[in-house]
Amino acid sequence: MAQVDLERSGDVFVLHMRSGENRFNPEFLRAFSGALDEVEGSQGPAALVTTGEGKFYSNGLDLAAFAEGGPEVGATTMARLNEIFVRLLQFPVLTVAAINGHAFAGGFMLACAQDFRLMREDRGFLCLPEIDLAIRTGLSVPMEAVLEARLARPVLHEMLVTGRRYGAADAVARGMVDSAHAEAEVLSRAIELAQSCAGKDRETLSALKRNVFGAAIDKIKRSMAA
């Protein structure tokens, strides 16, 4: 089975991540980027919803693949993830993360790079666990940029220093997600939201996003070029 696939619901492309915990490695991110290419290359009204399956939206970086493949796998993964962050922050159609389950670390950052986030209300957590993983290098510059562009600074500080897992009610209250819904409604509500903006002019939408997220985009690009 493909790690990522696309289906259409009206004008909305639904990108299904189908790789278990949907951890980021070169193969997974290549498939994800290919799906973005297809959406971006489409004609007419369009929007994008991303979602996972079962318990997981995404658990972020595939640390086991890094350990097995060595520095090259890690470097390739981070480069491709940074490219995806930049693309999503200025993507020419509306993007909505339908967070069906756990979104940890890079998985939560992937959701933050999108325009809206809808979360399952009864199960699943958001978390930045770096403090408990003792990642002493801290976040990468692109990861920082994505989170700073989306979250209030006190919220980001709390997430980082506590490593706390946030359920839907707390996530909505802190602005981490836009709304929470019953399991059976998360995807349909995300599609409904995306469809409502599918007819927006693509060049204008991308330009407006660059206006809002220009500092984050520039910070990521400078890091990639260093």
N, C-alpha and C. Protein backbone atom coordinates (compact mmCIF):
# COMPACT_ATOMS: atom_id res chain seq x y z
N MET A 1 0.84 -1.19 0.00
CA MET A 1 0.00 0.00 0.00
C MET A 1 0.88 1.25 0.00
N ALA A 2 0.46 2.25 -0.77
CA ALA A 2 1.20 3.50 -0.82
C ALA A 2 1.22 4.18 0.55
N GLN A 3 2.32 4.85 0.85
CA GLN A 3 2.42 5.56 2.12
C GLN A 3 1.50 6.77 2.16
N VAL A 4 1.25 7.34 0.98
CA VAL A 4 0.41 8.53 0.85
C VAL A 4 -0.44 8.35 -0.39
N ASP A 5 -1.71 8.74 -0.32
CA ASP A 5 -2.51 8.77 -1.54
C ASP A 5 -3.49 9.93 -1.49
N LEU A 6 -3.98 10.27 -2.67
CA LEU A 6 -4.91 11.38 -2.82
C LEU A 6 -6.24 10.87 -3.34
N GLU A 7 -7.32 11.45 -2.82
CA GLU A 7 -8.63 11.24 -3.40
C GLU A 7 -9.31 12.60 -3.51
N ARG A 8 -10.36 12.67 -4.32
CA ARG A 8 -11.10 13.92 -4.47
C ARG A 8 -12.46 13.80 -3.80
N SER A 9 -12.85 14.90 -3.15
CA SER A 9 -14.19 15.05 -2.62
C SER A 9 -14.67 16.42 -3.06
N GLY A 10 -15.44 16.47 -4.15
CA GLY A 10 -15.77 17.75 -4.75
C GLY A 10 -14.50 18.40 -5.27
N ASP A 11 -14.24 19.62 -4.84
CA ASP A 11 -13.03 20.33 -5.26
C ASP A 11 -11.87 20.10 -4.30
N VAL A 12 -12.06 19.28 -3.30
CA VAL A 12 -11.06 19.10 -2.26
C VAL A 12 -10.24 17.84 -2.49
N PHE A 13 -8.92 18.01 -2.51
CA PHE A 13 -8.01 16.87 -2.50
C PHE A 13 -7.82 16.44 -1.05
N VAL A 14 -7.99 15.16 -0.78
CA VAL A 14 -7.76 14.63 0.56
C VAL A 14 -6.50 13.77 0.50
N LEU A 15 -5.47 14.21 1.19
CA LEU A 15 -4.20 13.51 1.24
C LEU A 15 -4.21 12.60 2.47
N HIS A 16 -4.28 11.31 2.23
CA HIS A 16 -4.29 10.32 3.30
C HIS A 16 -2.87 9.82 3.56
N MET A 17 -2.40 9.97 4.77
CA MET A 17 -1.12 9.40 5.17
C MET A 17 -1.40 8.00 5.71
N ARG A 18 -0.79 6.99 5.09
CA ARG A 18 -1.17 5.60 5.39
C ARG A 18 0.05 4.75 5.77
N SER A 19 0.89 5.30 6.61
CA SER A 19 2.12 4.58 6.97
C SER A 19 2.21 4.39 8.48
N GLY A 20 1.15 3.90 9.07
CA GLY A 20 1.17 3.65 10.51
C GLY A 20 1.25 4.93 11.31
N GLU A 21 2.40 5.16 11.94
CA GLU A 21 2.59 6.39 12.70
C GLU A 21 2.95 7.57 11.80
N ASN A 22 3.07 7.31 10.50
CA ASN A 22 3.37 8.37 9.53
C ASN A 22 4.61 9.17 9.93
N ARG A 23 5.67 8.43 10.22
CA ARG A 23 6.93 9.08 10.59
C ARG A 23 7.68 9.53 9.33
N PHE A 24 8.44 10.60 9.49
CA PHE A 24 9.08 11.24 8.36
C PHE A 24 10.44 10.62 8.07
N ASN A 25 10.57 10.07 6.89
CA ASN A 25 11.83 9.60 6.34
C ASN A 25 11.85 9.99 4.87
N PRO A 26 12.96 9.80 4.16
CA PRO A 26 13.00 10.27 2.77
C PRO A 26 11.90 9.71 1.88
N GLU A 27 11.59 8.43 2.02
CA GLU A 27 10.57 7.81 1.18
C GLU A 27 9.19 8.42 1.45
N PHE A 28 8.85 8.56 2.73
CA PHE A 28 7.54 9.11 3.07
C PHE A 28 7.42 10.54 2.57
N LEU A 29 8.44 11.35 2.80
CA LEU A 29 8.36 12.75 2.41
C LEU A 29 8.41 12.92 0.90
N ARG A 30 9.05 12.02 0.19
CA ARG A 30 9.02 12.05 -1.28
C ARG A 30 7.58 11.83 -1.76
N ALA A 31 6.89 10.87 -1.15
CA ALA A 31 5.51 10.61 -1.52
C ALA A 31 4.61 11.80 -1.18
N PHE A 32 4.85 12.41 -0.01
CA PHE A 32 4.05 13.56 0.40
C PHE A 32 4.26 14.72 -0.58
N SER A 33 5.50 14.98 -0.94
CA SER A 33 5.80 16.05 -1.89
C SER A 33 5.16 15.78 -3.25
N GLY A 34 5.17 14.53 -3.66
CA GLY A 34 4.54 14.18 -4.93
C GLY A 34 3.05 14.47 -4.93
N ALA A 35 2.41 14.22 -3.79
CA ALA A 35 0.99 14.55 -3.67
C ALA A 35 0.77 16.06 -3.75
N LEU A 36 1.64 16.82 -3.12
CA LEU A 36 1.54 18.28 -3.21
C LEU A 36 1.72 18.74 -4.66
N ASP A 37 2.63 18.10 -5.39
CA ASP A 37 2.83 18.43 -6.81
C ASP A 37 1.53 18.25 -7.59
N GLU A 38 0.83 17.15 -7.31
CA GLU A 38 -0.41 16.85 -8.03
C GLU A 38 -1.48 17.90 -7.73
N VAL A 39 -1.60 18.27 -6.47
CA VAL A 39 -2.58 19.29 -6.11
C VAL A 39 -2.23 20.62 -6.76
N GLU A 40 -0.97 21.00 -6.66
CA GLU A 40 -0.54 22.29 -7.19
C GLU A 40 -0.66 22.33 -8.71
N GLY A 41 -0.52 21.19 -9.36
CA GLY A 41 -0.59 21.13 -10.81
C GLY A 41 -2.00 21.01 -11.35
N SER A 42 -2.98 20.91 -10.47
CA SER A 42 -4.37 20.75 -10.90
C SER A 42 -4.90 22.07 -11.45
N GLN A 43 -6.00 21.99 -12.18
CA GLN A 43 -6.66 23.16 -12.74
C GLN A 43 -8.01 23.36 -12.08
N GLY A 44 -8.42 24.61 -11.98
CA GLY A 44 -9.73 24.91 -11.44
C GLY A 44 -9.73 24.99 -9.93
N PRO A 45 -10.93 25.14 -9.34
CA PRO A 45 -11.05 25.26 -7.89
C PRO A 45 -10.45 24.04 -7.19
N ALA A 46 -9.75 24.30 -6.09
CA ALA A 46 -9.13 23.20 -5.35
C ALA A 46 -8.79 23.65 -3.94
N ALA A 47 -8.72 22.68 -3.04
CA ALA A 47 -8.23 22.88 -1.68
C ALA A 47 -7.64 21.54 -1.25
N LEU A 48 -6.95 21.54 -0.11
CA LEU A 48 -6.25 20.34 0.34
C LEU A 48 -6.55 20.07 1.80
N VAL A 49 -6.88 18.82 2.10
CA VAL A 49 -7.01 18.33 3.47
C VAL A 49 -5.99 17.21 3.65
N THR A 50 -5.27 17.23 4.77
CA THR A 50 -4.36 16.13 5.11
C THR A 50 -4.89 15.40 6.33
N THR A 51 -4.74 14.09 6.35
CA THR A 51 -5.19 13.32 7.50
C THR A 51 -4.43 12.01 7.58
N GLY A 52 -4.45 11.39 8.76
CA GLY A 52 -3.83 10.09 8.94
C GLY A 52 -4.90 9.02 9.07
N GLU A 53 -4.54 7.94 9.77
CA GLU A 53 -5.47 6.82 9.97
C GLU A 53 -5.38 6.32 11.40
N GLY A 54 -6.51 5.88 11.94
CA GLY A 54 -6.49 5.24 13.25
C GLY A 54 -6.01 6.16 14.34
N LYS A 55 -5.00 5.73 15.10
CA LYS A 55 -4.52 6.45 16.28
C LYS A 55 -3.61 7.62 15.96
N PHE A 56 -3.11 7.70 14.71
CA PHE A 56 -2.04 8.66 14.44
C PHE A 56 -2.36 9.58 13.27
N TYR A 57 -2.10 10.87 13.50
CA TYR A 57 -1.95 11.81 12.39
C TYR A 57 -0.50 11.69 11.93
N SER A 58 0.44 12.03 12.79
CA SER A 58 1.86 11.78 12.52
C SER A 58 2.65 11.91 13.81
N ASN A 59 3.61 11.02 13.98
CA ASN A 59 4.50 11.07 15.13
C ASN A 59 5.85 11.70 14.79
N GLY A 60 5.94 12.37 13.64
CA GLY A 60 7.13 13.14 13.34
C GLY A 60 8.29 12.35 12.77
N LEU A 61 9.49 12.76 13.10
CA LEU A 61 10.70 12.20 12.49
C LEU A 61 10.86 10.71 12.78
N ASP A 62 11.33 9.99 11.78
CA ASP A 62 11.58 8.56 11.90
C ASP A 62 13.00 8.36 12.47
N LEU A 63 13.10 8.45 13.78
CA LEU A 63 14.41 8.38 14.43
C LEU A 63 15.07 7.02 14.24
N ALA A 64 14.26 5.97 14.12
CA ALA A 64 14.83 4.64 13.87
C ALA A 64 15.51 4.59 12.51
N ALA A 65 14.91 5.22 11.51
CA ALA A 65 15.54 5.27 10.18
C ALA A 65 16.82 6.08 10.22
N PHE A 66 16.84 7.15 11.04
CA PHE A 66 18.06 7.94 11.18
C PHE A 66 19.18 7.08 11.77
N ALA A 67 18.85 6.32 12.81
CA ALA A 67 19.86 5.49 13.46
C ALA A 67 20.38 4.41 12.52
N GLU A 68 19.50 3.85 11.72
CA GLU A 68 19.89 2.78 10.82
C GLU A 68 20.65 3.31 9.60
N GLY A 69 20.18 4.43 9.05
CA GLY A 69 20.73 4.93 7.80
C GLY A 69 21.87 5.90 7.95
N GLY A 70 22.04 6.43 9.15
CA GLY A 70 23.15 7.34 9.39
C GLY A 70 22.84 8.78 9.03
N PRO A 71 23.86 9.63 9.09
CA PRO A 71 23.69 11.07 8.89
C PRO A 71 23.05 11.44 7.56
N GLU A 72 23.32 10.68 6.52
CA GLU A 72 22.78 11.02 5.20
C GLU A 72 21.26 10.95 5.20
N VAL A 73 20.70 9.91 5.83
CA VAL A 73 19.24 9.78 5.90
C VAL A 73 18.65 10.94 6.70
N GLY A 74 19.28 11.27 7.81
CA GLY A 74 18.79 12.38 8.61
C GLY A 74 18.83 13.68 7.85
N ALA A 75 19.93 13.95 7.16
CA ALA A 75 20.08 15.20 6.42
C ALA A 75 19.07 15.29 5.28
N THR A 76 18.88 14.19 4.57
CA THR A 76 17.91 14.18 3.47
C THR A 76 16.51 14.40 3.98
N THR A 77 16.18 13.74 5.09
CA THR A 77 14.85 13.91 5.67
C THR A 77 14.60 15.35 6.07
N MET A 78 15.55 15.96 6.76
CA MET A 78 15.36 17.32 7.22
C MET A 78 15.26 18.29 6.04
N ALA A 79 16.05 18.08 5.00
CA ALA A 79 15.98 18.96 3.84
C ALA A 79 14.62 18.88 3.17
N ARG A 80 14.10 17.68 3.03
CA ARG A 80 12.79 17.52 2.39
C ARG A 80 11.67 18.07 3.27
N LEU A 81 11.79 17.88 4.58
CA LEU A 81 10.77 18.41 5.48
C LEU A 81 10.77 19.94 5.44
N ASN A 82 11.95 20.55 5.41
CA ASN A 82 12.03 22.01 5.33
C ASN A 82 11.39 22.53 4.05
N GLU A 83 11.61 21.83 2.95
CA GLU A 83 10.99 22.21 1.68
C GLU A 83 9.47 22.14 1.78
N ILE A 84 8.96 21.12 2.46
CA ILE A 84 7.51 20.98 2.63
C ILE A 84 6.96 22.09 3.51
N PHE A 85 7.67 22.45 4.56
CA PHE A 85 7.24 23.57 5.40
C PHE A 85 7.07 24.84 4.56
N VAL A 86 8.07 25.14 3.75
CA VAL A 86 8.02 26.35 2.92
C VAL A 86 6.85 26.27 1.95
N ARG A 87 6.68 25.12 1.32
CA ARG A 87 5.58 24.98 0.37
C ARG A 87 4.23 25.19 1.03
N LEU A 88 4.03 24.55 2.16
CA LEU A 88 2.72 24.63 2.81
C LEU A 88 2.42 26.04 3.32
N LEU A 89 3.42 26.72 3.84
CA LEU A 89 3.19 28.07 4.36
C LEU A 89 2.71 29.04 3.30
N GLN A 90 3.03 28.76 2.04
CA GLN A 90 2.60 29.64 0.95
C GLN A 90 1.84 28.88 -0.14
N PHE A 91 1.24 27.76 0.22
CA PHE A 91 0.60 26.90 -0.77
C PHE A 91 -0.54 27.65 -1.44
N PRO A 92 -0.71 27.50 -2.75
CA PRO A 92 -1.68 28.31 -3.48
C PRO A 92 -3.14 27.90 -3.34
N VAL A 93 -3.43 26.86 -2.59
CA VAL A 93 -4.81 26.53 -2.24
C VAL A 93 -4.91 26.40 -0.73
N LEU A 94 -6.12 26.52 -0.21
CA LEU A 94 -6.32 26.41 1.23
C LEU A 94 -5.94 25.01 1.71
N THR A 95 -5.30 24.93 2.88
CA THR A 95 -4.90 23.65 3.46
C THR A 95 -5.51 23.49 4.84
N VAL A 96 -5.98 22.29 5.13
CA VAL A 96 -6.60 21.98 6.41
C VAL A 96 -6.06 20.66 6.92
N ALA A 97 -5.55 20.64 8.14
CA ALA A 97 -5.11 19.39 8.77
C ALA A 97 -6.28 18.81 9.56
N ALA A 98 -6.72 17.62 9.17
CA ALA A 98 -7.74 16.89 9.91
C ALA A 98 -7.02 15.93 10.84
N ILE A 99 -6.81 16.35 12.07
CA ILE A 99 -5.96 15.62 13.01
C ILE A 99 -6.79 14.52 13.66
N ASN A 100 -6.65 13.33 13.13
CA ASN A 100 -7.47 12.19 13.52
C ASN A 100 -6.96 11.48 14.77
N GLY A 101 -5.74 11.78 15.18
CA GLY A 101 -5.14 11.09 16.33
C GLY A 101 -3.93 11.86 16.81
N HIS A 102 -2.93 11.15 17.32
CA HIS A 102 -1.75 11.81 17.87
C HIS A 102 -0.99 12.61 16.81
N ALA A 103 -0.60 13.81 17.18
CA ALA A 103 0.28 14.64 16.34
C ALA A 103 1.41 15.13 17.23
N PHE A 104 2.53 14.42 17.18
CA PHE A 104 3.66 14.70 18.04
C PHE A 104 4.80 15.31 17.24
N ALA A 105 5.54 16.20 17.88
CA ALA A 105 6.80 16.72 17.33
C ALA A 105 6.59 17.22 15.90
N GLY A 106 7.36 16.66 14.95
CA GLY A 106 7.24 17.09 13.57
C GLY A 106 5.86 16.91 12.99
N GLY A 107 5.10 15.94 13.50
CA GLY A 107 3.74 15.76 13.02
C GLY A 107 2.86 16.95 13.36
N PHE A 108 3.04 17.49 14.57
CA PHE A 108 2.32 18.69 14.94
C PHE A 108 2.81 19.89 14.14
N MET A 109 4.11 19.95 13.87
CA MET A 109 4.64 21.05 13.06
C MET A 109 4.08 21.01 11.65
N LEU A 110 3.93 19.82 11.09
CA LEU A 110 3.33 19.69 9.77
C LEU A 110 1.92 20.27 9.76
N ALA A 111 1.16 20.00 10.81
CA ALA A 111 -0.19 20.56 10.92
C ALA A 111 -0.13 22.07 11.06
N CYS A 112 0.85 22.57 11.80
CA CYS A 112 0.98 24.02 12.03
C CYS A 112 1.33 24.77 10.75
N ALA A 113 1.95 24.10 9.79
CA ALA A 113 2.30 24.75 8.53
C ALA A 113 1.09 24.94 7.62
N GLN A 114 -0.04 24.36 8.00
CA GLN A 114 -1.26 24.46 7.19
C GLN A 114 -2.16 25.58 7.71
N ASP A 115 -3.15 25.93 6.92
CA ASP A 115 -3.99 27.09 7.23
C ASP A 115 -4.89 26.88 8.44
N PHE A 116 -5.46 25.69 8.56
CA PHE A 116 -6.36 25.40 9.67
C PHE A 116 -6.10 23.99 10.19
N ARG A 117 -6.45 23.79 11.46
CA ARG A 117 -6.30 22.50 12.11
C ARG A 117 -7.60 22.13 12.84
N LEU A 118 -8.15 20.98 12.49
CA LEU A 118 -9.32 20.44 13.18
C LEU A 118 -8.89 19.15 13.85
N MET A 119 -9.34 18.93 15.09
CA MET A 119 -8.84 17.82 15.89
C MET A 119 -9.98 16.94 16.39
N ARG A 120 -9.71 15.67 16.51
CA ARG A 120 -10.65 14.74 17.12
C ARG A 120 -10.79 15.06 18.61
N GLU A 121 -12.03 15.15 19.10
CA GLU A 121 -12.24 15.65 20.45
C GLU A 121 -12.09 14.60 21.55
N ASP A 122 -12.19 13.33 21.21
CA ASP A 122 -12.25 12.31 22.26
C ASP A 122 -10.98 11.48 22.40
N ARG A 123 -10.04 11.64 21.48
CA ARG A 123 -8.83 10.81 21.53
C ARG A 123 -7.73 11.46 20.72
N GLY A 124 -6.51 11.29 21.18
CA GLY A 124 -5.37 11.85 20.47
C GLY A 124 -4.81 13.06 21.20
N PHE A 125 -3.50 13.23 21.13
CA PHE A 125 -2.82 14.32 21.82
C PHE A 125 -1.89 15.07 20.87
N LEU A 126 -1.67 16.34 21.20
CA LEU A 126 -0.63 17.14 20.58
C LEU A 126 0.51 17.27 21.57
N CYS A 127 1.74 17.21 21.08
CA CYS A 127 2.87 17.24 22.00
C CYS A 127 4.15 17.61 21.27
N LEU A 128 4.98 18.39 21.95
CA LEU A 128 6.37 18.63 21.53
C LEU A 128 7.25 17.98 22.60
N PRO A 129 7.71 16.74 22.36
CA PRO A 129 8.35 15.95 23.41
C PRO A 129 9.86 16.08 23.51
N GLU A 130 10.44 17.07 22.85
CA GLU A 130 11.90 17.15 22.79
C GLU A 130 12.56 17.21 24.17
N ILE A 131 11.92 17.86 25.13
CA ILE A 131 12.50 17.96 26.47
C ILE A 131 12.66 16.59 27.11
N ASP A 132 11.69 15.71 26.88
CA ASP A 132 11.74 14.38 27.49
C ASP A 132 12.57 13.40 26.68
N LEU A 133 12.86 13.76 25.43
CA LEU A 133 13.76 12.94 24.61
C LEU A 133 15.21 13.38 24.76
N ALA A 134 15.42 14.44 25.57
CA ALA A 134 16.76 14.99 25.80
C ALA A 134 17.47 15.33 24.50
N ILE A 135 16.74 16.00 23.61
CA ILE A 135 17.34 16.46 22.35
C ILE A 135 18.04 17.78 22.64
N ARG A 136 19.32 17.70 22.97
CA ARG A 136 20.04 18.85 23.51
C ARG A 136 20.38 19.91 22.47
N THR A 137 20.24 19.57 21.19
CA THR A 137 20.45 20.57 20.16
C THR A 137 19.23 21.49 20.02
N GLY A 138 18.14 21.13 20.66
CA GLY A 138 16.92 21.92 20.54
C GLY A 138 16.27 21.72 19.19
N LEU A 139 15.33 22.59 18.86
CA LEU A 139 14.64 22.52 17.58
C LEU A 139 15.53 23.08 16.47
N SER A 140 15.32 22.58 15.27
CA SER A 140 16.00 23.19 14.12
C SER A 140 15.38 24.57 13.87
N VAL A 141 16.10 25.40 13.17
CA VAL A 141 15.61 26.74 12.85
C VAL A 141 14.29 26.69 12.07
N PRO A 142 14.15 25.82 11.05
CA PRO A 142 12.86 25.75 10.36
C PRO A 142 11.72 25.30 11.26
N MET A 143 11.98 24.35 12.14
CA MET A 143 10.93 23.91 13.06
C MET A 143 10.49 25.06 13.96
N GLU A 144 11.46 25.78 14.49
CA GLU A 144 11.17 26.95 15.31
C GLU A 144 10.32 27.95 14.54
N ALA A 145 10.68 28.19 13.29
CA ALA A 145 10.00 29.19 12.48
C ALA A 145 8.53 28.82 12.28
N VAL A 146 8.27 27.57 11.99
CA VAL A 146 6.88 27.13 11.78
C VAL A 146 6.07 27.30 13.05
N LEU A 147 6.60 26.88 14.17
CA LEU A 147 5.87 26.97 15.43
C LEU A 147 5.66 28.42 15.85
N GLU A 148 6.69 29.26 15.68
CA GLU A 148 6.57 30.67 16.06
C GLU A 148 5.55 31.39 15.18
N ALA A 149 5.41 30.94 13.93
CA ALA A 149 4.45 31.58 13.03
C ALA A 149 3.02 31.26 13.41
N ARG A 150 2.81 30.19 14.12
CA ARG A 150 1.44 29.73 14.38
C ARG A 150 1.00 29.90 15.83
N LEU A 151 1.90 29.73 16.78
CA LEU A 151 1.52 29.67 18.19
C LEU A 151 1.89 30.94 18.94
N ALA A 152 1.08 31.30 19.91
CA ALA A 152 1.44 32.39 20.82
C ALA A 152 2.69 31.97 21.59
N ARG A 153 3.58 32.92 21.85
CA ARG A 153 4.85 32.58 22.49
C ARG A 153 4.68 31.88 23.84
N PRO A 154 3.76 32.32 24.72
CA PRO A 154 3.60 31.60 25.99
C PRO A 154 3.14 30.16 25.79
N VAL A 155 2.33 29.92 24.77
CA VAL A 155 1.87 28.56 24.49
C VAL A 155 3.04 27.70 24.01
N LEU A 156 3.83 28.24 23.10
CA LEU A 156 4.99 27.51 22.60
C LEU A 156 5.96 27.22 23.74
N HIS A 157 6.20 28.20 24.59
CA HIS A 157 7.09 28.00 25.74
C HIS A 157 6.58 26.88 26.63
N GLU A 158 5.30 26.89 26.93
CA GLU A 158 4.73 25.84 27.78
C GLU A 158 4.89 24.46 27.14
N MET A 159 4.60 24.37 25.85
CA MET A 159 4.74 23.08 25.16
C MET A 159 6.17 22.56 25.23
N LEU A 160 7.13 23.46 24.99
CA LEU A 160 8.52 23.04 24.91
C LEU A 160 9.11 22.64 26.26
N VAL A 161 8.85 23.43 27.30
CA VAL A 161 9.52 23.16 28.58
C VAL A 161 8.83 22.08 29.40
N THR A 162 7.55 21.80 29.11
CA THR A 162 6.85 20.76 29.88
C THR A 162 6.79 19.42 29.15
N GLY A 163 6.80 19.44 27.81
CA GLY A 163 6.61 18.21 27.07
C GLY A 163 5.22 17.63 27.26
N ARG A 164 4.29 18.45 27.72
CA ARG A 164 2.94 17.99 28.05
C ARG A 164 2.18 17.52 26.81
N ARG A 165 1.30 16.56 27.03
CA ARG A 165 0.38 16.11 25.99
C ARG A 165 -0.96 16.83 26.15
N TYR A 166 -1.41 17.45 25.08
CA TYR A 166 -2.63 18.25 25.14
C TYR A 166 -3.76 17.55 24.41
N GLY A 167 -4.86 17.34 25.11
CA GLY A 167 -6.08 16.86 24.49
C GLY A 167 -6.79 17.98 23.77
N ALA A 168 -7.91 17.66 23.13
CA ALA A 168 -8.57 18.60 22.25
C ALA A 168 -9.04 19.87 22.97
N ALA A 169 -9.65 19.74 24.15
CA ALA A 169 -10.19 20.91 24.83
C ALA A 169 -9.08 21.91 25.16
N ASP A 170 -7.97 21.41 25.69
CA ASP A 170 -6.85 22.30 26.02
C ASP A 170 -6.21 22.87 24.75
N ALA A 171 -6.17 22.07 23.69
CA ALA A 171 -5.57 22.53 22.45
C ALA A 171 -6.39 23.66 21.82
N VAL A 172 -7.70 23.54 21.87
CA VAL A 172 -8.56 24.61 21.35
C VAL A 172 -8.40 25.87 22.20
N ALA A 173 -8.40 25.70 23.52
CA ALA A 173 -8.30 26.85 24.43
C ALA A 173 -7.01 27.62 24.23
N ARG A 174 -5.93 26.93 23.84
CA ARG A 174 -4.62 27.58 23.65
C ARG A 174 -4.36 27.99 22.21
N GLY A 175 -5.31 27.78 21.33
CA GLY A 175 -5.12 28.17 19.95
C GLY A 175 -4.22 27.25 19.15
N MET A 176 -3.96 26.05 19.66
CA MET A 176 -3.15 25.10 18.91
C MET A 176 -3.93 24.54 17.72
N VAL A 177 -5.23 24.37 17.90
CA VAL A 177 -6.11 23.95 16.82
C VAL A 177 -7.30 24.90 16.78
N ASP A 178 -8.01 24.88 15.67
CA ASP A 178 -9.13 25.80 15.50
C ASP A 178 -10.44 25.26 16.08
N SER A 179 -10.61 23.95 16.04
CA SER A 179 -11.84 23.37 16.58
C SER A 179 -11.65 21.88 16.80
N ALA A 180 -12.57 21.30 17.59
CA ALA A 180 -12.54 19.86 17.88
C ALA A 180 -13.89 19.26 17.56
N HIS A 181 -13.87 18.01 17.09
CA HIS A 181 -15.11 17.38 16.62
C HIS A 181 -15.10 15.89 16.96
N ALA A 182 -16.28 15.30 16.90
CA ALA A 182 -16.40 13.86 17.11
C ALA A 182 -15.59 13.12 16.04
N GLU A 183 -15.15 11.93 16.37
CA GLU A 183 -14.30 11.15 15.46
C GLU A 183 -14.88 11.07 14.06
N ALA A 184 -16.18 10.81 13.97
CA ALA A 184 -16.80 10.62 12.66
C ALA A 184 -16.94 11.91 11.87
N GLU A 185 -16.69 13.05 12.52
CA GLU A 185 -16.92 14.34 11.86
C GLU A 185 -15.64 15.10 11.52
N VAL A 186 -14.51 14.67 12.05
CA VAL A 186 -13.28 15.45 11.85
C VAL A 186 -12.98 15.64 10.37
N LEU A 187 -12.95 14.56 9.62
CA LEU A 187 -12.59 14.65 8.21
C LEU A 187 -13.67 15.39 7.42
N SER A 188 -14.92 15.07 7.66
CA SER A 188 -15.99 15.71 6.89
C SER A 188 -16.04 17.22 7.16
N ARG A 189 -15.81 17.62 8.39
CA ARG A 189 -15.80 19.06 8.70
C ARG A 189 -14.61 19.74 8.06
N ALA A 190 -13.47 19.05 8.04
CA ALA A 190 -12.29 19.61 7.38
C ALA A 190 -12.54 19.79 5.89
N ILE A 191 -13.16 18.81 5.27
CA ILE A 191 -13.48 18.90 3.84
C ILE A 191 -14.47 20.04 3.60
N GLU A 192 -15.45 20.17 4.46
CA GLU A 192 -16.43 21.25 4.33
C GLU A 192 -15.74 22.62 4.40
N LEU A 193 -14.83 22.79 5.35
CA LEU A 193 -14.10 24.05 5.47
C LEU A 193 -13.26 24.29 4.23
N ALA A 194 -12.55 23.28 3.79
CA ALA A 194 -11.70 23.42 2.61
C ALA A 194 -12.52 23.76 1.37
N GLN A 195 -13.66 23.08 1.20
CA GLN A 195 -14.51 23.33 0.04
C GLN A 195 -15.01 24.76 0.01
N SER A 196 -15.25 25.34 1.17
CA SER A 196 -15.78 26.70 1.23
C SER A 196 -14.81 27.74 0.67
N CYS A 197 -13.53 27.38 0.58
CA CYS A 197 -12.52 28.30 0.06
C CYS A 197 -11.83 27.78 -1.19
N ALA A 198 -12.39 26.74 -1.80
CA ALA A 198 -11.71 26.11 -2.93
C ALA A 198 -11.67 26.99 -4.17
N GLY A 199 -12.55 27.97 -4.26
CA GLY A 199 -12.59 28.81 -5.45
C GLY A 199 -11.73 30.05 -5.37
N LYS A 200 -10.96 30.22 -4.32
CA LYS A 200 -10.14 31.42 -4.18
C LYS A 200 -9.04 31.44 -5.24
N ASP A 201 -8.70 32.66 -5.68
CA ASP A 201 -7.65 32.81 -6.68
C ASP A 201 -6.31 32.34 -6.11
N ARG A 202 -5.65 31.47 -6.81
CA ARG A 202 -4.45 30.83 -6.27
C ARG A 202 -3.29 31.81 -6.09
N GLU A 203 -3.05 32.64 -7.07
CA GLU A 203 -1.92 33.57 -6.96
C GLU A 203 -2.14 34.56 -5.82
N THR A 204 -3.37 35.01 -5.68
CA THR A 204 -3.66 35.95 -4.59
C THR A 204 -3.51 35.27 -3.24
N LEU A 205 -4.04 34.06 -3.13
CA LEU A 205 -3.96 33.34 -1.86
C LEU A 205 -2.51 33.10 -1.46
N SER A 206 -1.69 32.67 -2.39
CA SER A 206 -0.28 32.42 -2.09
C SER A 206 0.43 33.71 -1.69
N ALA A 207 0.12 34.81 -2.38
CA ALA A 207 0.76 36.09 -2.05
C ALA A 207 0.36 36.55 -0.66
N LEU A 208 -0.91 36.39 -0.31
CA LEU A 208 -1.37 36.80 1.02
C LEU A 208 -0.71 35.96 2.11
N LYS A 209 -0.54 34.69 1.85
CA LYS A 209 0.15 33.83 2.83
C LYS A 209 1.60 34.27 2.99
N ARG A 210 2.24 34.61 1.90
CA ARG A 210 3.63 35.08 1.99
C ARG A 210 3.72 36.37 2.79
N ASN A 211 2.70 37.22 2.67
CA ASN A 211 2.67 38.44 3.48
C ASN A 211 2.63 38.11 4.97
N VAL A 212 1.79 37.14 5.33
CA VAL A 212 1.60 36.78 6.73
C VAL A 212 2.79 36.01 7.27
N PHE A 213 3.29 35.06 6.48
CA PHE A 213 4.32 34.14 6.96
C PHE A 213 5.69 34.41 6.34
N GLY A 214 5.87 35.60 5.78
CA GLY A 214 7.13 35.90 5.10
C GLY A 214 8.35 35.76 5.98
N ALA A 215 8.24 36.20 7.25
CA ALA A 215 9.40 36.11 8.14
C ALA A 215 9.79 34.65 8.38
N ALA A 216 8.78 33.80 8.59
CA ALA A 216 9.05 32.37 8.81
C ALA A 216 9.63 31.73 7.56
N ILE A 217 9.06 32.05 6.41
CA ILE A 217 9.55 31.49 5.15
C ILE A 217 11.00 31.91 4.91
N ASP A 218 11.30 33.18 5.11
CA ASP A 218 12.67 33.66 4.90
C ASP A 218 13.64 32.99 5.87
N LYS A 219 13.21 32.82 7.13
CA LYS A 219 14.06 32.18 8.12
C LYS A 219 14.38 30.74 7.73
N ILE A 220 13.38 30.03 7.22
CA ILE A 220 13.60 28.65 6.79
C ILE A 220 14.53 28.61 5.59
N LYS A 221 14.30 29.48 4.61
CA LYS A 221 15.12 29.49 3.42
C LYS A 221 16.59 29.83 3.73
N ARG A 222 16.80 30.77 4.64
CA ARG A 222 18.18 31.12 5.01
C ARG A 222 18.86 29.92 5.67
N SER A 223 18.12 29.21 6.51
CA SER A 223 18.68 28.01 7.15
C SER A 223 19.02 26.93 6.12
N MET A 224 18.16 26.77 5.13
CA MET A 224 18.39 25.77 4.09
C MET A 224 19.61 26.11 3.24
N ALA A 225 19.86 27.40 3.06
CA ALA A 225 20.97 27.83 2.22
C ALA A 225 22.31 27.85 2.94
N ALA A 226 22.27 27.80 4.27
CA ALA A 226 23.49 27.91 5.07
C ALA A 226 24.37 26.67 4.90
